[in-house]
Amino acid sequence: MLTVMVLFLALSHKCTADFIPGCSFVGGQCQYSVQLGHAGQCDSAGTGSGTRTGETSCCDDVKANLGTLRSDIDLLQSQVKGLMNDLTQAQGDLTQAQNRANQTEAARDALLATLQQKEAELNTTQKELANLIHRTGIEITALRTDLANMTTRADNCRAAIGLPPLDPTLSVSLAGPVSQTYCNFSSINKSPCTFQITQKTNNLFHLMTRGHNTDAGPEADHSQGTTQGTFLGLDAGRVASYNYGLTVTTVAAVSEELEPANSYCIFFYYSMVGKDVQTLELTIKIGGGSGYPVWTRQGQQRKDWVLAQVELDSEYTANPFSLHFLAKTKAYHRTSTYYYDSADIGIDDLYAYNTTCDNIPLCPVTAVHKNTVRNVTSCYTFHATAMTWQDAYYTCRKEGPWSGLVSVESQEEQDYLSGVIAADPGMFIVMTLAIMTMMIILAETQSYLSGVIAADPGMLIVMTVAITAMMIMLAQTQSYLSGVIAADPSMVIMMTFAIMAMMIMIAETQSYLSSVITAESTLNAAGQYGFFTSGNDIRTEHQFVWTDTGKARPVANLYENWHIGQPNNVGGAQDCLLLQYSRDDYSWGDVPCTDSRPFICEVSIPQ
């Protein structure tokens, strides 16, 4: 509107500048000079219409400017209308955005409340689980005590009737299936033997085949006892090459996480040979913690490989945890001289069992043969499935911390092993006769009772009364047990475990008998291919050694039973000792270690 007024004033000023109105007296009359403007016409002074000579009508300008003004007004109105529409749309979008924000905030609040609720439930569940594990552990401990007492009473009963005591090395676990994690360090990048190594850049803690010089570290790995195997080692020579000047270097290896359990038993072999050996430590890492020390050794140890045993309770094992090995050395160099480098440290054959150490049987449950020679008791597992010598060794090692390929160190042991291999029909016949004997006894008992009843009908009444009394006793026993359970609900757990233990014992007895029959019936057939032992001359040709302990023991110093013409090293590649010649009571021969053969594992029970 302001713009319109300015334009009008400007036009008025223009018209006024072109014509000056006035009046005069002519012929006795007053004559006015005026300029009238109306539609399509602008009159000048002295005329009724038109313009003064030589002048342009202001009406043309006004007309043109009014047309422009109308166009500008229409344009402004259109723009204002567009702006109003945009404003309305923006207001609508703002309202929708506010609604969505309110909905998102409400959803966030609901999700946060749900998360807090689940977190509270999880905390409660974890506490309940911890309490359950604790209570179960107490019950299992009590059941183990009861089982030990029952075993003692059973041994007394067996002694009274002239039977030998039960074999304690073949004990049954009441904790359920025992899980074993085994690592032979042939690799550290493959589960379950996955280890994260610090000092990776310099490769100071790595897989080694022996110590870096004759004064440091083991002569070979423990798994095979040869330089073809590997172990995880702190290489002090390599450390010295990187350290200029005296310093203490710590390297670490962290295992993958182990699953929670009420307890764990850890075994591993370690080597700390060398006058400059410092420290090896095992800590337990839980979550992001720095680790809790549970085992430490310092200084040089007495021999190449030593077995370590560590028991962990629920304080460490109730949550997932890792094994954290720390090794330290002071090795360094100046110019070309190495200092404190006789300090290699090795780790090999790691076992982790999710149970207590007391619950680990010395002999594997599959060891169905046991023998004592010269006050040394050994148990054996015979494997008819053929494997290479290296795979056979790893299979034996996996059976337990004390297990390895067999070493035949006396004529008595040779005779025992060859006798077991050759005696396959015997066990089946003995067991068949035992079953037949039991059936005969049952049949004769039934026949005897029938005869008694037939000879004296009154006995039928006596036996009926006896059976009735037994039924009453059973009913009273059931009533008594129901009362005990009602008074102490925890008895349900104890009785359940007792029943489970009996079922396990029955199942394992059945499995044991089946394994005896199956093993015995296949050994003789497998014997035509011979059986691998731990004997080999991989380190030095023509010098055969037993390597079941990880340290070489010369075969020639103990006992030899080579077949005529053996060993002959045909093709220059026969490095493994085989119980080979079945017709000569399995006298020995040498064969390639890469052949696939049956094999025998042995556990020499610690005295």
Foldseek 3Di string as FASTA:
>chain_A
DVVVVVVVVVLVVVQCVVDPWDWDQDPNRIATFDWDDDPPFIDGGPDPTDDDPPDDDSVVVVVVVVVVVVVVVVVVVVVVVVVVVVVVVVVVVVVVVVVVVVVVVVVVVVVVVVVVVVVVVVVVVLVVVVVVQVVVVVLQVVLVVVVVVVLVVVCVVCVVVPHHRDDPLLDDHLVPDKDKAKDFPQDQVDPPNPKDKPPVVLCQWHKAQAAPDPQAAAPGGQLQLHSVGIWTKRHLVSVQVPAADWDKDKMKIKGDWDAAAQKKKKKKKKAWGHQLAAKKWKFKADDPDPTHTQDMDTGHDDHRIDMDMTMGGNVRRRHIIIIMMMGMGGWHDHDPDIDSRRTMMTIGIMMMIRDGPSPNRLAFNQQLDWDDDPNWIKTKHWFLFWDFLSVQSVVQSSSDVQKGFADDFDPVSLLVVLCLLPCLVPLVVVVVVVVVVVVVVVVVVVVVVVVVCVVPVVVVVVVVVVVVVVVVVVVVVVVVVVVVCVVPVCVVVSVVSVVVVVVVVVVSVVVSSVSSNVVSNCSNVQPQAFAFGSWWCNPHPPFIFRSNRSHTDTSVVGDAFADPPPADCVPVAFTTWTLHDSVVSSHIYTHHSRDIGIGMMMGGRDD
